[in-house]
Amino acid sequence: MTTVATPPSLKSPPTGAPPAAPPPTATRGPAPKPAETGVWVGIATISMSFAALTSAMVVRGSAAPDWQHFRLPPILYFNTLVLLASSFTLESARRRIRDVPRDVASLVPPLDGLTGLYVTLALGLLFVTGQVLAWRQLAAQGLFLATSPSSAFFYVFTALHGLHVLGGLAGLLYVLYRLRRATGAVSSPPRTALGAAALYWHFMDVLWLYLLTILTIRV
């Protein structure tokens, strides 16, 4: 009589064994913020534009016998202090809004952090007004856009910078509008937009210090 051997039974793993570890997954870094990326692109573009204008001014001033040196309007130094103060108030407001916990962000009182933005807007408008007064003081000296190459570069530099400052004020108004909508609502404050606006505004400070130094040396 032939006997058939039965295959050995498969033993199930013990129930108390720990589960198999999942395969390792690649960790990702923080996702780039489109708003701040756009601001950095704009900063690079503006920097190259003013660098080209600076090179043109240096070349023109070195090779032109009609280059006329003049005294800068004294109000420019007051305007510089105003712009630096606006950067301080904006950074203070940004940090106050950033430090609010996200789970209670919608319960923040309207004045918490918004006062600094209002002060920044007022100081920014005061700076632009002061730049217009500087043009009037320069005109009182008989220096206009077409008077000499040096005065022409002064008007071009300050006008272009003033236009970019107005663009920064428009960005701050947009952020302020979104912050007021977020106050008391379910949505959280637009921290990314506020950070991008603050980055652009601080760049306007650095750019103006650079322009004031160049104008003081060259004109």
C-alpha atoms as a PDB file:
ATOM      1  CA  MET A   1       0.000   0.000   0.000  1.00  0.00           C
ATOM      2  CA  THR A   2       1.463   3.327  -1.052  1.00  0.00           C
ATOM      3  CA  THR A   3       1.238   6.261   1.345  1.00  0.00           C
ATOM      4  CA  VAL A   4       1.225   9.882   0.111  1.00  0.00           C
ATOM      5  CA  ALA A   5       3.261  12.289   2.197  1.00  0.00           C
ATOM      6  CA  THR A   6       1.387  15.343   3.247  1.00  0.00           C
ATOM      7  CA  PRO A   7       3.175  18.693   2.829  1.00  0.00           C
ATOM      8  CA  PRO A   8       4.250  20.415   6.012  1.00  0.00           C
ATOM      9  CA  SER A   9       1.750  22.957   7.257  1.00  0.00           C
ATOM     10  CA  LEU A  10       2.669  26.634   6.961  1.00  0.00           C
ATOM     11  CA  LYS A  11       2.911  28.271  10.340  1.00  0.00           C
ATOM     12  CA  SER A  12       1.329  31.682  10.709  1.00  0.00           C
ATOM     13  CA  PRO A  13       3.457  34.314  12.375  1.00  0.00           C
ATOM     14  CA  PRO A  14       2.758  34.863  16.035  1.00  0.00           C
ATOM     15  CA  THR A  15       0.066  37.362  16.736  1.00  0.00           C
ATOM     16  CA  GLY A  16       2.245  39.355  19.076  1.00  0.00           C
ATOM     17  CA  ALA A  17       4.920  40.116  16.464  1.00  0.00           C
ATOM     18  CA  PRO A  18       5.401  43.820  15.648  1.00  0.00           C
ATOM     19  CA  PRO A  19       4.154  44.989  12.238  1.00  0.00           C
ATOM     20  CA  ALA A  20       6.639  45.482   9.449  1.00  0.00           C
ATOM     21  CA  ALA A  21       8.066  48.980   9.235  1.00  0.00           C
ATOM     22  CA  PRO A  22       6.793  51.023   6.276  1.00  0.00           C
ATOM     23  CA  PRO A  23       9.307  51.834   3.558  1.00  0.00           C
ATOM     24  CA  PRO A  24      11.170  55.084   4.133  1.00  0.00           C
ATOM     25  CA  THR A  25       9.749  58.082   2.340  1.00  0.00           C
ATOM     26  CA  ALA A  26      11.715  61.032   1.074  1.00  0.00           C
ATOM     27  CA  THR A  27      11.242  64.180   3.139  1.00  0.00           C
ATOM     28  CA  ARG A  28      10.439  67.402   1.361  1.00  0.00           C
ATOM     29  CA  GLY A  29      11.590  70.795   2.348  1.00  0.00           C
ATOM     30  CA  PRO A  30       9.253  73.750   2.799  1.00  0.00           C
ATOM     31  CA  ALA A  31       7.323  74.609  -0.329  1.00  0.00           C
ATOM     32  CA  PRO A  32       8.381  77.893  -1.978  1.00  0.00           C
ATOM     33  CA  LYS A  33       6.042  80.827  -1.429  1.00  0.00           C
ATOM     34  CA  PRO A  34       4.917  82.299  -4.770  1.00  0.00           C
ATOM     35  CA  ALA A  35       4.432  85.789  -3.327  1.00  0.00           C
ATOM     36  CA  GLU A  36       7.950  86.043  -1.922  1.00  0.00           C
ATOM     37  CA  THR A  37       9.426  84.434  -5.035  1.00  0.00           C
ATOM     38  CA  GLY A  38       7.749  87.094  -7.169  1.00  0.00           C
ATOM     39  CA  VAL A  39       9.098  89.821  -4.912  1.00  0.00           C
ATOM     40  CA  TRP A  40      12.634  88.470  -5.209  1.00  0.00           C
ATOM     41  CA  VAL A  41      12.306  88.454  -9.000  1.00  0.00           C
ATOM     42  CA  GLY A  42      11.098  92.044  -8.868  1.00  0.00           C
ATOM     43  CA  ILE A  43      13.972  93.014  -6.569  1.00  0.00           C
ATOM     44  CA  ALA A  44      16.477  91.508  -8.990  1.00  0.00           C
ATOM     45  CA  THR A  45      14.914  93.379 -11.924  1.00  0.00           C
ATOM     46  CA  ILE A  46      14.831  96.709 -10.082  1.00  0.00           C
ATOM     47  CA  SER A  47      18.419  96.264  -8.908  1.00  0.00           C
ATOM     48  CA  MET A  48      19.668  95.667 -12.435  1.00  0.00           C
ATOM     49  CA  SER A  49      17.771  98.717 -13.704  1.00  0.00           C
ATOM     50  CA  PHE A  50      19.276 101.060 -11.119  1.00  0.00           C
ATOM     51  CA  ALA A  51      22.707  99.503 -11.603  1.00  0.00           C
ATOM     52  CA  ALA A  52      22.491 100.321 -15.311  1.00  0.00           C
ATOM     53  CA  LEU A  53      21.415 103.890 -14.533  1.00  0.00           C
ATOM     54  CA  THR A  54      24.276 104.255 -12.061  1.00  0.00           C
ATOM     55  CA  SER A  55      26.774 103.114 -14.676  1.00  0.00           C
ATOM     56  CA  ALA A  56      25.321 105.590 -17.161  1.00  0.00           C
ATOM     57  CA  MET A  57      25.615 108.410 -14.612  1.00  0.00           C
ATOM     58  CA  VAL A  58      29.237 107.583 -13.805  1.00  0.00           C
ATOM     59  CA  VAL A  59      30.200 107.448 -17.484  1.00  0.00           C
ATOM     60  CA  ARG A  60      28.292 110.628 -18.315  1.00  0.00           C
ATOM     61  CA  GLY A  61      29.747 112.526 -15.382  1.00  0.00           C
ATOM     62  CA  SER A  62      33.313 111.473 -16.136  1.00  0.00           C
ATOM     63  CA  ALA A  63      33.292 112.460 -19.800  1.00  0.00           C
ATOM     64  CA  ALA A  64      31.082 115.554 -19.802  1.00  0.00           C
ATOM     65  CA  PRO A  65      32.430 119.091 -19.229  1.00  0.00           C
ATOM     66  CA  ASP A  66      28.878 120.318 -18.639  1.00  0.00           C
ATOM     67  CA  TRP A  67      28.426 118.210 -15.497  1.00  0.00           C
ATOM     68  CA  GLN A  68      27.186 120.634 -12.833  1.00  0.00           C
ATOM     69  CA  HIS A  69      27.630 119.876  -9.128  1.00  0.00           C
ATOM     70  CA  PHE A  70      24.954 121.180  -6.787  1.00  0.00           C
ATOM     71  CA  ARG A  71      23.873 120.914  -3.192  1.00  0.00           C
ATOM     72  CA  LEU A  72      21.240 118.300  -2.468  1.00  0.00           C
ATOM     73  CA  PRO A  73      17.996 119.554  -0.896  1.00  0.00           C
ATOM     74  CA  PRO A  74      18.297 119.217   2.899  1.00  0.00           C
ATOM     75  CA  ILE A  75      14.839 117.679   3.162  1.00  0.00           C
ATOM     76  CA  LEU A  76      16.214 114.471   1.642  1.00  0.00           C
ATOM     77  CA  TYR A  77      17.836 113.583   4.961  1.00  0.00           C
ATOM     78  CA  PHE A  78      14.550 114.066   6.802  1.00  0.00           C
ATOM     79  CA  ASN A  79      12.851 111.896   4.193  1.00  0.00           C
ATOM     80  CA  THR A  80      15.455 109.208   4.843  1.00  0.00           C
ATOM     81  CA  LEU A  81      14.593 109.142   8.544  1.00  0.00           C
ATOM     82  CA  VAL A  82      10.901 108.919   7.670  1.00  0.00           C
ATOM     83  CA  LEU A  83      11.457 105.943   5.371  1.00  0.00           C
ATOM     84  CA  LEU A  84      13.601 104.138   7.946  1.00  0.00           C
ATOM     85  CA  ALA A  85      10.944 104.724  10.598  1.00  0.00           C
ATOM     86  CA  SER A  86       8.280 103.280   8.292  1.00  0.00           C
ATOM     87  CA  SER A  87      10.361 100.131   7.871  1.00  0.00           C
ATOM     88  CA  PHE A  88      10.592  99.792  11.648  1.00  0.00           C
ATOM     89  CA  THR A  89       6.840 100.155  12.166  1.00  0.00           C
ATOM     90  CA  LEU A  90       6.106  97.668   9.391  1.00  0.00           C
ATOM     91  CA  GLU A  91       8.473  95.057  10.796  1.00  0.00           C
ATOM     92  CA  SER A  92       6.999  95.534  14.253  1.00  0.00           C
ATOM     93  CA  ALA A  93       3.485  95.001  12.894  1.00  0.00           C
ATOM     94  CA  ARG A  94       4.568  91.954  10.889  1.00  0.00           C
ATOM     95  CA  ARG A  95       6.065  90.291  13.947  1.00  0.00           C
ATOM     96  CA  ARG A  96       3.000  90.975  16.065  1.00  0.00           C
ATOM     97  CA  ILE A  97       0.759  89.350  13.470  1.00  0.00           C
ATOM     98  CA  ARG A  98       3.197  86.482  12.922  1.00  0.00           C
ATOM     99  CA  ASP A  99       3.342  85.653  16.637  1.00  0.00           C
ATOM    100  CA  VAL A 100      -0.425  85.265  16.939  1.00  0.00           C
ATOM    101  CA  PRO A 101      -1.250  81.519  17.278  1.00  0.00           C
ATOM    102  CA  ARG A 102      -2.970  80.174  14.189  1.00  0.00           C
ATOM    103  CA  ASP A 103      -5.811  78.611  16.153  1.00  0.00           C
ATOM    104  CA  VAL A 104      -6.836  81.989  17.586  1.00  0.00           C
ATOM    105  CA  ALA A 105      -5.824  84.161  14.608  1.00  0.00           C
ATOM    106  CA  SER A 106      -9.438  84.920  13.742  1.00  0.00           C
ATOM    107  CA  LEU A 107     -10.094  86.170  17.281  1.00  0.00           C
ATOM    108  CA  VAL A 108      -7.394  88.854  17.216  1.00  0.00           C
ATOM    109  CA  PRO A 109      -8.745  92.351  17.925  1.00  0.00           C
ATOM    110  CA  PRO A 110      -8.729  94.619  14.861  1.00  0.00           C
ATOM    111  CA  LEU A 111      -6.127  96.985  16.328  1.00  0.00           C
ATOM    112  CA  ASP A 112      -3.605  94.268  17.173  1.00  0.00           C
ATOM    113  CA  GLY A 113      -0.891  94.641  14.540  1.00  0.00           C
ATOM    114  CA  LEU A 114      -2.968  96.837  12.241  1.00  0.00           C
ATOM    115  CA  THR A 115      -1.935 100.094  13.887  1.00  0.00           C
ATOM    116  CA  GLY A 116       1.646  99.606  12.726  1.00  0.00           C
ATOM    117  CA  LEU A 117       0.443  99.130   9.145  1.00  0.00           C
ATOM    118  CA  TYR A 118      -1.570 102.353   9.259  1.00  0.00           C
ATOM    119  CA  VAL A 119       1.463 104.211  10.622  1.00  0.00           C
ATOM    120  CA  THR A 120       3.632 102.696   7.874  1.00  0.00           C
ATOM    121  CA  LEU A 121       1.206 103.872   5.210  1.00  0.00           C
ATOM    122  CA  ALA A 122       1.186 107.379   6.671  1.00  0.00           C
ATOM    123  CA  LEU A 123       4.983 107.498   6.813  1.00  0.00           C
ATOM    124  CA  GLY A 124       5.229 106.208   3.246  1.00  0.00           C
ATOM    125  CA  LEU A 125       2.937 108.961   2.005  1.00  0.00           C
ATOM    126  CA  LEU A 126       4.955 111.486   4.018  1.00  0.00           C
ATOM    127  CA  PHE A 127       8.133 110.257   2.320  1.00  0.00           C
ATOM    128  CA  VAL A 128       6.652 110.679  -1.168  1.00  0.00           C
ATOM    129  CA  THR A 129       5.402 114.142  -0.238  1.00  0.00           C
ATOM    130  CA  GLY A 130       8.872 115.017   1.042  1.00  0.00           C
ATOM    131  CA  GLN A 131      10.402 113.917  -2.257  1.00  0.00           C
ATOM    132  CA  VAL A 132       8.063 116.273  -4.119  1.00  0.00           C
ATOM    133  CA  LEU A 133       9.145 119.070  -1.781  1.00  0.00           C
ATOM    134  CA  ALA A 134      12.766 118.190  -2.568  1.00  0.00           C
ATOM    135  CA  TRP A 135      12.029 118.705  -6.254  1.00  0.00           C
ATOM    136  CA  ARG A 136      10.535 122.105  -5.430  1.00  0.00           C
ATOM    137  CA  GLN A 137      13.634 123.061  -3.454  1.00  0.00           C
ATOM    138  CA  LEU A 138      15.818 122.004  -6.371  1.00  0.00           C
ATOM    139  CA  ALA A 139      13.678 124.003  -8.767  1.00  0.00           C
ATOM    140  CA  ALA A 140      14.096 127.016  -6.487  1.00  0.00           C
ATOM    141  CA  GLN A 141      17.836 126.742  -7.151  1.00  0.00           C
ATOM    142  CA  GLY A 142      17.123 126.965 -10.879  1.00  0.00           C
ATOM    143  CA  LEU A 143      17.806 123.265 -11.482  1.00  0.00           C
ATOM    144  CA  PHE A 144      15.281 121.404 -13.591  1.00  0.00           C
ATOM    145  CA  LEU A 145      15.215 118.154 -15.538  1.00  0.00           C
ATOM    146  CA  ALA A 146      16.846 119.693 -18.623  1.00  0.00           C
ATOM    147  CA  THR A 147      19.220 122.081 -16.840  1.00  0.00           C
ATOM    148  CA  SER A 148      22.219 119.745 -16.718  1.00  0.00           C
ATOM    149  CA  PRO A 149      22.977 116.005 -16.839  1.00  0.00           C
ATOM    150  CA  SER A 150      23.484 115.910 -13.066  1.00  0.00           C
ATOM    151  CA  SER A 151      20.076 117.393 -12.292  1.00  0.00           C
ATOM    152  CA  ALA A 152      18.484 115.108 -14.881  1.00  0.00           C
ATOM    153  CA  PHE A 153      19.892 112.022 -13.142  1.00  0.00           C
ATOM    154  CA  PHE A 154      18.680 113.348  -9.786  1.00  0.00           C
ATOM    155  CA  TYR A 155      15.120 113.711 -11.041  1.00  0.00           C
ATOM    156  CA  VAL A 156      15.201 110.310 -12.773  1.00  0.00           C
ATOM    157  CA  PHE A 157      16.576 108.465  -9.746  1.00  0.00           C
ATOM    158  CA  THR A 158      14.196 110.007  -7.231  1.00  0.00           C
ATOM    159  CA  ALA A 159      11.164 109.757  -9.533  1.00  0.00           C
ATOM    160  CA  LEU A 160      11.723 106.064 -10.286  1.00  0.00           C
ATOM    161  CA  HIS A 161      12.269 105.284  -6.634  1.00  0.00           C
ATOM    162  CA  GLY A 162       9.155 107.240  -5.698  1.00  0.00           C
ATOM    163  CA  LEU A 163       7.094 105.251  -8.198  1.00  0.00           C
ATOM    164  CA  HIS A 164       8.328 101.999  -6.686  1.00  0.00           C
ATOM    165  CA  VAL A 165       7.482 103.289  -3.213  1.00  0.00           C
ATOM    166  CA  LEU A 166       3.943 104.009  -4.420  1.00  0.00           C
ATOM    167  CA  GLY A 167       3.804 100.430  -5.676  1.00  0.00           C
ATOM    168  CA  GLY A 168       4.824  99.262  -2.212  1.00  0.00           C
ATOM    169  CA  LEU A 169       2.073 101.387  -0.676  1.00  0.00           C
ATOM    170  CA  ALA A 170      -0.441  99.745  -2.999  1.00  0.00           C
ATOM    171  CA  GLY A 171       0.797  96.331  -1.846  1.00  0.00           C
ATOM    172  CA  LEU A 172       0.434  97.328   1.803  1.00  0.00           C
ATOM    173  CA  LEU A 173      -3.112  98.531   1.155  1.00  0.00           C
ATOM    174  CA  TYR A 174      -3.947  95.141  -0.338  1.00  0.00           C
ATOM    175  CA  VAL A 175      -2.480  93.332   2.671  1.00  0.00           C
ATOM    176  CA  LEU A 176      -4.357  95.644   5.033  1.00  0.00           C
ATOM    177  CA  TYR A 177      -7.603  94.900   3.188  1.00  0.00           C
ATOM    178  CA  ARG A 178      -7.057  91.157   3.553  1.00  0.00           C
ATOM    179  CA  LEU A 179      -6.136  91.523   7.213  1.00  0.00           C
ATOM    180  CA  ARG A 180      -9.322  93.417   7.971  1.00  0.00           C
ATOM    181  CA  ARG A 181     -11.358  90.743   6.194  1.00  0.00           C
ATOM    182  CA  ALA A 182      -9.599  88.009   8.174  1.00  0.00           C
ATOM    183  CA  THR A 183     -10.295  89.713  11.515  1.00  0.00           C
ATOM    184  CA  GLY A 184     -13.227  87.987  13.185  1.00  0.00           C
ATOM    185  CA  ALA A 185     -13.590  85.483  10.341  1.00  0.00           C
ATOM    186  CA  VAL A 186     -12.677  81.828  10.086  1.00  0.00           C
ATOM    187  CA  SER A 187      -9.722  82.442   7.741  1.00  0.00           C
ATOM    188  CA  SER A 188      -6.244  83.155   9.096  1.00  0.00           C
ATOM    189  CA  PRO A 189      -4.315  86.387   8.455  1.00  0.00           C
ATOM    190  CA  PRO A 190      -2.364  86.517   5.160  1.00  0.00           C
ATOM    191  CA  ARG A 191       1.069  86.074   6.716  1.00  0.00           C
ATOM    192  CA  THR A 192       2.721  85.197   3.400  1.00  0.00           C
ATOM    193  CA  ALA A 193       1.423  88.307   1.639  1.00  0.00           C
ATOM    194  CA  LEU A 194       2.429  90.472   4.581  1.00  0.00           C
ATOM    195  CA  GLY A 195       5.927  88.971   4.570  1.00  0.00           C
ATOM    196  CA  ALA A 196       6.298  89.612   0.841  1.00  0.00           C
ATOM    197  CA  ALA A 197       5.134  93.222   1.228  1.00  0.00           C
ATOM    198  CA  ALA A 198       7.533  93.769   4.125  1.00  0.00           C
ATOM    199  CA  LEU A 199      10.415  92.303   2.110  1.00  0.00           C
ATOM    200  CA  TYR A 200       9.716  94.695  -0.772  1.00  0.00           C
ATOM    201  CA  TRP A 201       9.401  97.670   1.589  1.00  0.00           C
ATOM    202  CA  HIS A 202      12.703  96.936   3.317  1.00  0.00           C
ATOM    203  CA  PHE A 203      14.319  96.736  -0.110  1.00  0.00           C
ATOM    204  CA  MET A 204      13.002 100.221  -0.853  1.00  0.00           C
ATOM    205  CA  ASP A 205      14.863 101.411   2.255  1.00  0.00           C
ATOM    206  CA  VAL A 206      18.120  99.821   1.158  1.00  0.00           C
ATOM    207  CA  LEU A 207      17.702 101.136  -2.383  1.00  0.00           C
ATOM    208  CA  TRP A 208      17.110 104.677  -1.178  1.00  0.00           C
ATOM    209  CA  LEU A 209      20.194 104.605   1.071  1.00  0.00           C
ATOM    210  CA  TYR A 210      22.190 103.478  -1.944  1.00  0.00           C
ATOM    211  CA  LEU A 211      20.743 106.222  -4.166  1.00  0.00           C
ATOM    212  CA  LEU A 212      21.311 108.904  -1.545  1.00  0.00           C
ATOM    213  CA  THR A 213      24.947 107.846  -1.209  1.00  0.00           C
ATOM    214  CA  ILE A 214      25.478 107.843  -4.977  1.00  0.00           C
ATOM    215  CA  LEU A 215      23.830 111.239  -5.396  1.00  0.00           C
ATOM    216  CA  THR A 216      25.842 112.720  -2.535  1.00  0.00           C
ATOM    217  CA  ILE A 217      29.106 111.534  -4.072  1.00  0.00           C
ATOM    218  CA  ARG A 218      28.427 112.228  -7.747  1.00  0.00           C
ATOM    219  CA  VAL A 219      26.347 115.392  -7.827  1.00  0.00           C
END
